[in-house]
């Protein structure tokens, strides 16, 4: 997997044989320190999604956009709003 800053990636929350909970697509921004509410004391992959929201590598399965799309093929996509998902976890 390319970890080149600006590279197109996709992010998945979870998946099973029938469904994929898709967070979205965006760009890898490098490893940065997540905000305190993420609860990780060291740098982590930062992904800025196309809707300008941010997801951290520790919160998802992520990889090159084409490979994520290939892995989804044939399964139902359930879109995930990470803001709501984070609220539900607290």
Protein backbone atom coordinates (compact mmCIF):
# COMPACT_ATOMS: atom_id res chain seq x y z
CA UNK A 1 0.00 0.00 0.00
CA UNK A 2 1.26 3.43 -0.91
CA UNK A 3 1.61 5.81 2.02
CA UNK A 4 2.35 8.79 -0.18
CA UNK A 5 0.76 11.99 1.11
CA UNK A 6 -2.15 12.97 -1.11
CA UNK A 7 -2.71 9.38 -2.34
CA UNK A 8 -6.39 8.43 -2.85
CA UNK A 9 -7.66 5.96 -0.24
CA UNK A 10 -10.87 4.44 1.03
CA UNK A 11 -11.92 3.76 4.61
CA UNK A 12 -14.15 0.94 5.87
CA UNK A 13 -15.49 0.65 9.41
CA UNK A 14 -16.30 -3.06 9.15
CA UNK A 15 -17.49 -5.69 6.72
CA UNK A 16 -19.11 -9.09 6.59
CA UNK A 17 -19.86 -11.42 3.68
CA UNK A 18 -22.94 -9.42 2.63
CA UNK A 19 -22.31 -5.82 3.77
CA UNK A 20 -19.61 -3.18 3.94
CA UNK A 21 -19.89 -0.26 6.35
CA UNK A 22 -18.16 2.38 4.23
CA UNK A 23 -16.82 5.54 5.84
CA UNK A 24 -15.81 7.03 2.49
CA UNK A 25 -13.01 7.99 0.13
CA UNK A 26 -10.43 10.72 0.43
CA UNK A 27 -6.69 11.34 0.68
CA UNK A 28 -3.99 10.14 3.02
CA UNK A 29 -2.43 13.17 4.77
CA UNK A 30 0.46 11.51 6.56
CA UNK A 31 0.77 10.44 10.16
CA UNK A 32 -0.33 13.07 12.66
CA UNK A 33 -1.31 13.21 16.31
CA UNK A 34 -5.08 12.58 16.61
CA UNK A 35 -7.15 14.88 18.81
CA UNK A 36 -7.41 13.91 22.46
CA UNK A 37 -10.96 12.53 22.10
CA UNK A 38 -9.64 9.78 19.78
CA UNK A 39 -7.61 8.52 22.72
CA UNK A 40 -4.38 7.63 20.98
CA UNK A 41 -1.13 9.00 22.45
CA UNK A 42 0.95 8.70 19.27
CA UNK A 43 0.76 9.73 15.59
CA UNK A 44 -1.65 7.83 13.36
CA UNK A 45 -2.60 7.88 9.67
CA UNK A 46 -4.85 10.86 8.97
CA UNK A 47 -7.38 10.55 6.15
CA UNK A 48 -9.30 13.59 4.95
CA UNK A 49 -12.46 12.38 3.26
CA UNK A 50 -14.03 13.99 0.20
CA UNK A 51 -16.66 15.60 2.46
CA UNK A 52 -13.73 17.20 4.39
CA UNK A 53 -14.32 15.14 7.53
CA UNK A 54 -11.37 13.29 9.08
CA UNK A 55 -10.99 9.63 9.97
CA UNK A 56 -7.92 8.18 11.65
CA UNK A 57 -6.23 4.93 10.69
CA UNK A 58 -6.91 3.48 14.14
CA UNK A 59 -10.65 3.85 13.54
CA UNK A 60 -10.93 1.90 10.30
CA UNK A 61 -9.56 -0.45 7.70
CA UNK A 62 -8.09 1.70 4.97
CA UNK A 63 -6.15 1.32 1.77
CA UNK A 64 -5.76 2.39 -1.82
CA UNK A 65 -9.07 3.52 -3.31
CA UNK A 66 -9.04 0.97 -6.16
CA UNK A 67 -8.36 -1.93 -3.79
CA UNK A 68 -11.11 -0.83 -1.40
CA UNK A 69 -13.57 -0.64 -4.31
CA UNK A 70 -12.53 -4.13 -5.44
CA UNK A 71 -13.06 -5.50 -1.94
CA UNK A 72 -16.58 -4.05 -1.80
CA UNK A 73 -17.73 -5.55 -5.13
CA UNK A 74 -20.96 -7.52 -4.81
CA UNK A 75 -21.77 -6.43 -1.27
CA UNK A 76 -24.30 -3.92 -0.02
CA UNK A 77 -22.78 -0.59 1.05
CA UNK A 78 -23.91 0.94 4.32
CA UNK A 79 -22.61 4.51 4.61
CA UNK A 80 -21.17 5.46 8.00
CA UNK A 81 -21.12 8.96 9.44
CA UNK A 82 -18.07 8.94 11.72
CA UNK A 83 -19.32 11.89 13.77
CA UNK A 84 -22.43 9.92 14.68
CA UNK A 85 -20.45 6.71 15.13
CA UNK A 86 -18.07 8.40 17.57
CA UNK A 87 -21.00 9.87 19.54
CA UNK A 88 -22.62 6.43 19.82
CA UNK A 89 -19.39 4.97 21.24
CA UNK A 90 -19.27 7.40 24.16
